């Protein structure tokens, strides 16, 4: 029988509510890390998603014309993508792993276990950052997650996080 998610997800609730307080949404890295801090047994996943094709760019606002790095979570064999909460009627809906990976053309996946994330959180103050909007310690940025997972990344011209190997058009 599948394990159930906890009823109370305080880090994730704060990460989602962050948009309401400042008009800017937390990115996938904030929300995915928040989920993993709240859910024992979950794993933070980060990987490269394929570039949107021409049709998707016409239909989806802000669809990326280049491959980009995204974060999501896995728990009990299912994918949880907290950035989809609003699109799913303010619900956290699980996806079948194979379908999610295929639909998004995911490659180069790196993970951080909850234990690894808790250790990192203790060093940089991630929990307080996500729950109470406090700055990370010593000027750290949320990119500390990418660095901890060994991902080589850079910022694209439009501010997205892309693999260091991607050349923008």
Protein backbone atom coordinates (compact mmCIF):
# COMPACT_ATOMS: atom_id res chain seq x y z
CA UNK A 1 0.00 0.00 0.00
CA UNK A 2 1.42 3.44 -0.94
CA UNK A 3 2.52 5.74 1.84
CA UNK A 4 0.45 8.88 2.33
CA UNK A 5 1.78 12.40 2.29
CA UNK A 6 1.72 14.23 5.62
CA UNK A 7 -1.40 16.36 6.11
CA UNK A 8 0.61 19.41 7.12
CA UNK A 9 3.31 20.66 4.74
CA UNK A 10 4.49 23.89 6.40
CA UNK A 11 7.57 24.53 4.23
CA UNK A 12 5.63 23.94 1.02
CA UNK A 13 2.68 26.05 2.16
CA UNK A 14 5.04 28.96 2.86
CA UNK A 15 6.85 28.49 -0.45
CA UNK A 16 3.55 28.58 -2.34
CA UNK A 17 2.22 31.50 -0.27
CA UNK A 18 5.40 33.47 -0.98
CA UNK A 19 3.85 34.59 -4.27
CA UNK A 20 1.01 36.25 -2.44
CA UNK A 21 3.35 38.28 -0.23
CA UNK A 22 5.58 39.80 -2.89
CA UNK A 23 3.93 39.21 -6.27
CA UNK A 24 6.77 36.98 -7.46
CA UNK A 25 6.52 33.21 -7.28
CA UNK A 26 9.23 31.09 -5.74
CA UNK A 27 10.87 28.95 -8.36
CA UNK A 28 10.76 25.19 -8.70
CA UNK A 29 13.88 24.84 -6.53
CA UNK A 30 12.21 26.57 -3.57
CA UNK A 31 9.02 24.55 -3.84
CA UNK A 32 10.68 21.19 -4.44
CA UNK A 33 13.13 21.68 -1.56
CA UNK A 34 10.21 22.70 0.67
CA UNK A 35 8.33 19.50 -0.21
CA UNK A 36 11.36 17.35 0.63
CA UNK A 37 11.90 19.12 3.96
CA UNK A 38 8.26 18.33 4.82
CA UNK A 39 8.03 14.74 3.56
CA UNK A 40 10.23 12.03 5.12
CA UNK A 41 11.29 9.51 2.48
CA UNK A 42 11.09 11.98 -0.40
CA UNK A 43 13.93 12.90 -2.75
CA UNK A 44 14.75 16.22 -4.40
CA UNK A 45 15.33 15.70 -8.13
CA UNK A 46 16.90 18.16 -10.53
CA UNK A 47 17.46 17.57 -14.21
CA UNK A 48 17.38 19.00 -17.68
CA UNK A 49 14.03 19.37 -19.43
CA UNK A 50 13.90 19.50 -23.20
CA UNK A 51 13.30 22.73 -25.06
CA UNK A 52 9.69 23.44 -25.98
CA UNK A 53 8.87 22.85 -29.61
CA UNK A 54 7.34 25.57 -31.80
CA UNK A 55 3.75 24.51 -31.08
CA UNK A 56 4.32 24.46 -27.32
CA UNK A 57 5.89 27.93 -27.47
CA UNK A 58 2.73 29.19 -29.20
CA UNK A 59 0.41 27.57 -26.66
CA UNK A 60 2.31 27.94 -23.38
CA UNK A 61 3.34 31.29 -21.96
CA UNK A 62 7.05 31.39 -21.08
CA UNK A 63 7.79 28.00 -22.67
CA UNK A 64 11.55 27.70 -22.95
CA UNK A 65 13.16 27.61 -26.41
CA UNK A 66 16.25 25.99 -24.85
CA UNK A 67 16.71 23.04 -22.49
CA UNK A 68 16.57 24.18 -18.86
CA UNK A 69 17.15 22.82 -15.38
CA UNK A 70 14.06 22.06 -13.32
CA UNK A 71 13.38 20.65 -9.85
CA UNK A 72 10.68 18.24 -8.71
CA UNK A 73 10.28 15.59 -6.00
CA UNK A 74 9.83 11.88 -5.91
CA UNK A 75 8.05 10.01 -3.15
CA UNK A 76 6.87 6.43 -3.06
CA UNK A 77 7.52 5.91 -6.79
CA UNK A 78 5.56 9.00 -7.87
CA UNK A 79 6.59 12.46 -9.04
CA UNK A 80 5.35 15.56 -7.25
CA UNK A 81 5.96 18.82 -9.11
CA UNK A 82 4.98 21.64 -6.73
CA UNK A 83 5.12 24.22 -9.53
CA UNK A 84 1.95 22.63 -10.94
CA UNK A 85 -0.16 23.32 -7.83
CA UNK A 86 -1.96 26.34 -9.26
CA UNK A 87 -2.58 24.64 -12.63
CA UNK A 88 -4.05 21.62 -10.84
CA UNK A 89 -6.75 23.53 -8.96
CA UNK A 90 -4.50 24.31 -5.96
CA UNK A 91 -3.84 20.62 -5.41
CA UNK A 92 -0.59 18.70 -5.34
CA UNK A 93 -1.28 15.97 -7.89
CA UNK A 94 1.14 13.05 -8.30
CA UNK A 95 2.39 11.99 -11.73
CA UNK A 96 3.58 8.57 -12.83
CA UNK A 97 7.35 8.81 -13.02
CA UNK A 98 7.80 7.39 -16.53
CA UNK A 99 5.05 9.61 -17.95
CA UNK A 100 6.49 12.75 -16.31
CA UNK A 101 9.99 12.01 -17.57
CA UNK A 102 8.78 11.21 -21.09
CA UNK A 103 6.42 14.20 -21.32
CA UNK A 104 9.22 16.60 -20.31
CA UNK A 105 12.12 14.89 -22.08
CA UNK A 106 14.06 14.77 -18.82
CA UNK A 107 17.76 13.96 -18.85
CA UNK A 108 20.82 14.28 -16.61
CA UNK A 109 18.89 13.79 -13.36
CA UNK A 110 20.69 14.45 -10.09
CA UNK A 111 19.20 13.92 -6.65
CA UNK A 112 19.55 15.01 -3.06
CA UNK A 113 18.09 12.77 -0.39
CA UNK A 114 16.11 14.30 2.43
CA UNK A 115 19.03 13.59 4.77
CA UNK A 116 21.42 15.45 2.44
CA UNK A 117 18.96 18.33 2.14
CA UNK A 118 18.53 18.55 5.92
CA UNK A 119 22.31 18.72 6.34
CA UNK A 120 22.54 21.46 3.71
CA UNK A 121 19.59 23.26 5.31
CA UNK A 122 21.43 23.33 8.63
CA UNK A 123 24.47 24.92 6.98
CA UNK A 124 22.68 27.60 4.96
CA UNK A 125 19.42 28.15 6.86
CA UNK A 126 17.18 26.75 4.13
CA UNK A 127 14.28 25.86 6.44
CA UNK A 128 14.03 29.41 7.84
CA UNK A 129 14.43 30.79 4.32
CA UNK A 130 11.50 28.76 3.02
CA UNK A 131 9.20 29.04 6.05
CA UNK A 132 9.93 32.59 7.17
CA UNK A 133 11.53 34.23 4.09
CA UNK A 134 14.82 34.83 5.95
CA UNK A 135 17.98 35.27 3.88
CA UNK A 136 20.19 32.24 3.48
CA UNK A 137 23.37 32.32 5.58
CA UNK A 138 26.52 34.04 4.33
CA UNK A 139 24.87 35.36 1.16
CA UNK A 140 24.08 31.89 -0.18
CA UNK A 141 21.55 31.63 -3.00
CA UNK A 142 19.04 28.90 -3.82
CA UNK A 143 21.58 27.71 -6.42
CA UNK A 144 23.32 26.03 -3.47
CA UNK A 145 20.97 23.10 -4.28
CA UNK A 146 22.36 22.80 -7.81
CA UNK A 147 25.91 23.01 -6.53
CA UNK A 148 25.27 20.34 -3.86
CA UNK A 149 23.93 18.00 -6.56
CA UNK A 150 27.01 18.60 -8.73
CA UNK A 151 25.12 20.30 -11.56
CA UNK A 152 27.06 22.61 -13.83
CA UNK A 153 24.71 25.49 -14.61
CA UNK A 154 24.51 29.07 -15.74
CA UNK A 155 21.91 31.81 -16.02
CA UNK A 156 20.35 32.28 -19.46
CA UNK A 157 19.76 35.64 -21.11
CA UNK A 158 16.15 35.61 -19.88
CA UNK A 159 17.10 34.65 -16.32
CA UNK A 160 16.42 30.92 -16.52
CA UNK A 161 18.75 28.27 -15.16
CA UNK A 162 20.24 26.23 -17.97
CA UNK A 163 22.89 23.51 -18.19
CA UNK A 164 26.37 25.00 -18.68
CA UNK A 165 26.62 22.99 -21.89
CA UNK A 166 23.57 24.61 -23.54
CA UNK A 167 24.19 27.27 -26.12
CA UNK A 168 21.29 29.68 -26.45
CA UNK A 169 20.01 30.57 -29.89
